[in-house]
Amino acid sequence: MNATVAVILALAVGTYAFRLVGPVLHGRVTVPPRVQELASAGAVVLLVALLATGALTESGGFAGWARPAGVLAGAALAWRRAPFVVVVLGAAATTALLRLAGVA
């Protein structure tokens, strides 16, 4: 067994163990409401950070103004509860039109 297969198996076992912990400890461990709130807030912060880095950077530098404007348009459509297809097409169209107009 080479090292790559061993690492893949270790990751598979670890992933399965994490998935198994939830059902096994469901009735035995109670998480305080404050910890639940912090975990929810932490998840939102991580998603916003991922969105910001994906929207604002490209190859280690600023991505230009068209991409963040498209993301902002998509966010506005999502906020107004538009269907997912409309959100994606609106964001893509905004970015494409701005790039067509010469905005980098």
C-alpha atoms as a PDB file:
ATOM      1  CA  MET A   1       0.000   0.000   0.000  1.00  0.00           C
ATOM      2  CA  ASN A   2       1.542   3.295  -1.031  1.00  0.00           C
ATOM      3  CA  ALA A   3       1.285   6.584   0.840  1.00  0.00           C
ATOM      4  CA  THR A   4      -1.455   8.028  -1.374  1.00  0.00           C
ATOM      5  CA  VAL A   5      -3.804   5.115  -0.735  1.00  0.00           C
ATOM      6  CA  ALA A   6      -3.073   5.275   3.006  1.00  0.00           C
ATOM      7  CA  VAL A   7      -3.883   8.995   3.117  1.00  0.00           C
ATOM      8  CA  ILE A   8      -7.102   8.478   1.155  1.00  0.00           C
ATOM      9  CA  LEU A   9      -8.173   5.680   3.490  1.00  0.00           C
ATOM     10  CA  ALA A  10      -7.346   7.777   6.568  1.00  0.00           C
ATOM     11  CA  LEU A  11      -9.411  10.676   5.216  1.00  0.00           C
ATOM     12  CA  ALA A  12     -12.284   8.319   4.397  1.00  0.00           C
ATOM     13  CA  VAL A  13     -12.262   6.852   7.917  1.00  0.00           C
ATOM     14  CA  GLY A  14     -12.069  10.339   9.464  1.00  0.00           C
ATOM     15  CA  THR A  15     -14.946  11.597   7.319  1.00  0.00           C
ATOM     16  CA  TYR A  16     -17.074   8.594   8.247  1.00  0.00           C
ATOM     17  CA  ALA A  17     -16.236   9.084  11.927  1.00  0.00           C
ATOM     18  CA  PHE A  18     -17.336  12.734  11.795  1.00  0.00           C
ATOM     19  CA  ARG A  19     -20.602  11.730  10.141  1.00  0.00           C
ATOM     20  CA  LEU A  20     -21.179   8.993  12.713  1.00  0.00           C
ATOM     21  CA  VAL A  21     -20.590  11.229  15.745  1.00  0.00           C
ATOM     22  CA  GLY A  22     -23.801  13.209  15.185  1.00  0.00           C
ATOM     23  CA  PRO A  23     -26.281  10.340  15.409  1.00  0.00           C
ATOM     24  CA  VAL A  24     -24.299   8.542  18.125  1.00  0.00           C
ATOM     25  CA  LEU A  25     -24.090  11.542  20.464  1.00  0.00           C
ATOM     26  CA  HIS A  26     -27.498  13.008  19.598  1.00  0.00           C
ATOM     27  CA  GLY A  27     -29.201  12.383  22.932  1.00  0.00           C
ATOM     28  CA  ARG A  28     -26.118  12.388  25.134  1.00  0.00           C
ATOM     29  CA  VAL A  29     -24.663  15.826  24.565  1.00  0.00           C
ATOM     30  CA  THR A  30     -26.583  19.088  24.813  1.00  0.00           C
ATOM     31  CA  VAL A  31     -25.082  22.153  23.242  1.00  0.00           C
ATOM     32  CA  PRO A  32     -25.916  25.426  25.011  1.00  0.00           C
ATOM     33  CA  PRO A  33     -28.003  27.901  23.000  1.00  0.00           C
ATOM     34  CA  ARG A  34     -25.173  30.455  23.063  1.00  0.00           C
ATOM     35  CA  VAL A  35     -22.803  27.966  21.407  1.00  0.00           C
ATOM     36  CA  GLN A  36     -25.436  27.204  18.771  1.00  0.00           C
ATOM     37  CA  GLU A  37     -25.797  30.934  18.042  1.00  0.00           C
ATOM     38  CA  LEU A  38     -22.030  31.357  17.787  1.00  0.00           C
ATOM     39  CA  ALA A  39     -21.729  28.356  15.467  1.00  0.00           C
ATOM     40  CA  SER A  40     -24.456  29.760  13.214  1.00  0.00           C
ATOM     41  CA  ALA A  41     -22.805  33.173  13.160  1.00  0.00           C
ATOM     42  CA  GLY A  42     -19.433  31.559  12.460  1.00  0.00           C
ATOM     43  CA  ALA A  43     -20.860  29.680   9.476  1.00  0.00           C
ATOM     44  CA  VAL A  44     -22.293  32.903   8.058  1.00  0.00           C
ATOM     45  CA  VAL A  45     -18.975  34.719   8.556  1.00  0.00           C
ATOM     46  CA  LEU A  46     -17.085  31.951   6.762  1.00  0.00           C
ATOM     47  CA  LEU A  47     -19.509  32.010   3.836  1.00  0.00           C
ATOM     48  CA  VAL A  48     -19.255  35.800   3.543  1.00  0.00           C
ATOM     49  CA  ALA A  49     -15.455  35.589   3.628  1.00  0.00           C
ATOM     50  CA  LEU A  50     -15.517  32.976   0.872  1.00  0.00           C
ATOM     51  CA  LEU A  51     -17.873  35.137  -1.157  1.00  0.00           C
ATOM     52  CA  ALA A  52     -15.670  38.206  -0.689  1.00  0.00           C
ATOM     53  CA  THR A  53     -12.450  36.472  -1.701  1.00  0.00           C
ATOM     54  CA  GLY A  54     -14.132  34.878  -4.706  1.00  0.00           C
ATOM     55  CA  ALA A  55     -15.754  38.120  -5.797  1.00  0.00           C
ATOM     56  CA  LEU A  56     -12.888  40.526  -5.207  1.00  0.00           C
ATOM     57  CA  THR A  57      -9.694  38.646  -6.047  1.00  0.00           C
ATOM     58  CA  GLU A  58      -8.226  36.916  -9.060  1.00  0.00           C
ATOM     59  CA  SER A  59      -4.668  35.571  -9.235  1.00  0.00           C
ATOM     60  CA  GLY A  60      -3.738  37.294  -5.992  1.00  0.00           C
ATOM     61  CA  GLY A  61      -4.931  40.739  -7.059  1.00  0.00           C
ATOM     62  CA  PHE A  62      -8.074  42.809  -7.409  1.00  0.00           C
ATOM     63  CA  ALA A  63     -10.528  41.256  -9.893  1.00  0.00           C
ATOM     64  CA  GLY A  64     -11.844  44.579 -11.201  1.00  0.00           C
ATOM     65  CA  TRP A  65     -15.172  46.285 -10.678  1.00  0.00           C
ATOM     66  CA  ALA A  66     -17.354  44.184 -12.996  1.00  0.00           C
ATOM     67  CA  ARG A  67     -17.241  41.010 -10.901  1.00  0.00           C
ATOM     68  CA  PRO A  68     -18.125  42.629  -7.553  1.00  0.00           C
ATOM     69  CA  ALA A  69     -20.944  44.524  -9.276  1.00  0.00           C
ATOM     70  CA  GLY A  70     -22.291  41.237 -10.659  1.00  0.00           C
ATOM     71  CA  VAL A  71     -22.093  39.632  -7.232  1.00  0.00           C
ATOM     72  CA  LEU A  72     -23.883  42.626  -5.733  1.00  0.00           C
ATOM     73  CA  ALA A  73     -26.616  42.371  -8.386  1.00  0.00           C
ATOM     74  CA  GLY A  74     -26.999  38.665  -7.657  1.00  0.00           C
ATOM     75  CA  ALA A  75     -27.161  39.344  -3.933  1.00  0.00           C
ATOM     76  CA  ALA A  76     -29.846  41.978  -4.484  1.00  0.00           C
ATOM     77  CA  LEU A  77     -31.896  39.547  -6.553  1.00  0.00           C
ATOM     78  CA  ALA A  78     -31.462  36.816  -3.951  1.00  0.00           C
ATOM     79  CA  TRP A  79     -32.470  39.256  -1.215  1.00  0.00           C
ATOM     80  CA  ARG A  80     -35.673  39.929  -3.143  1.00  0.00           C
ATOM     81  CA  ARG A  81     -36.228  36.145  -3.265  1.00  0.00           C
ATOM     82  CA  ALA A  82     -35.884  35.814  -7.023  1.00  0.00           C
ATOM     83  CA  PRO A  83     -35.630  32.267  -8.385  1.00  0.00           C
ATOM     84  CA  PHE A  84     -32.099  30.819  -8.430  1.00  0.00           C
ATOM     85  CA  VAL A  85     -31.895  30.873 -12.229  1.00  0.00           C
ATOM     86  CA  VAL A  86     -32.823  34.566 -12.264  1.00  0.00           C
ATOM     87  CA  VAL A  87     -30.169  35.323  -9.622  1.00  0.00           C
ATOM     88  CA  VAL A  88     -27.436  33.555 -11.582  1.00  0.00           C
ATOM     89  CA  LEU A  89     -28.445  35.021 -14.942  1.00  0.00           C
ATOM     90  CA  GLY A  90     -28.813  38.505 -13.466  1.00  0.00           C
ATOM     91  CA  ALA A  91     -25.358  38.382 -11.900  1.00  0.00           C
ATOM     92  CA  ALA A  92     -23.791  37.008 -15.085  1.00  0.00           C
ATOM     93  CA  ALA A  93     -25.566  39.557 -17.282  1.00  0.00           C
ATOM     94  CA  THR A  94     -24.515  42.442 -15.053  1.00  0.00           C
ATOM     95  CA  THR A  95     -20.888  41.332 -15.134  1.00  0.00           C
ATOM     96  CA  ALA A  96     -20.965  40.705 -18.887  1.00  0.00           C
ATOM     97  CA  LEU A  97     -22.569  44.053 -19.699  1.00  0.00           C
ATOM     98  CA  LEU A  98     -20.085  45.951 -17.544  1.00  0.00           C
ATOM     99  CA  ARG A  99     -17.167  44.148 -19.185  1.00  0.00           C
ATOM    100  CA  LEU A 100     -18.673  44.819 -22.602  1.00  0.00           C
ATOM    101  CA  ALA A 101     -18.859  48.500 -21.656  1.00  0.00           C
ATOM    102  CA  GLY A 102     -15.144  48.459 -20.825  1.00  0.00           C
ATOM    103  CA  VAL A 103     -15.319  48.268 -17.049  1.00  0.00           C
ATOM    104  CA  ALA A 104     -12.591  45.865 -15.996  1.00  0.00           C
END
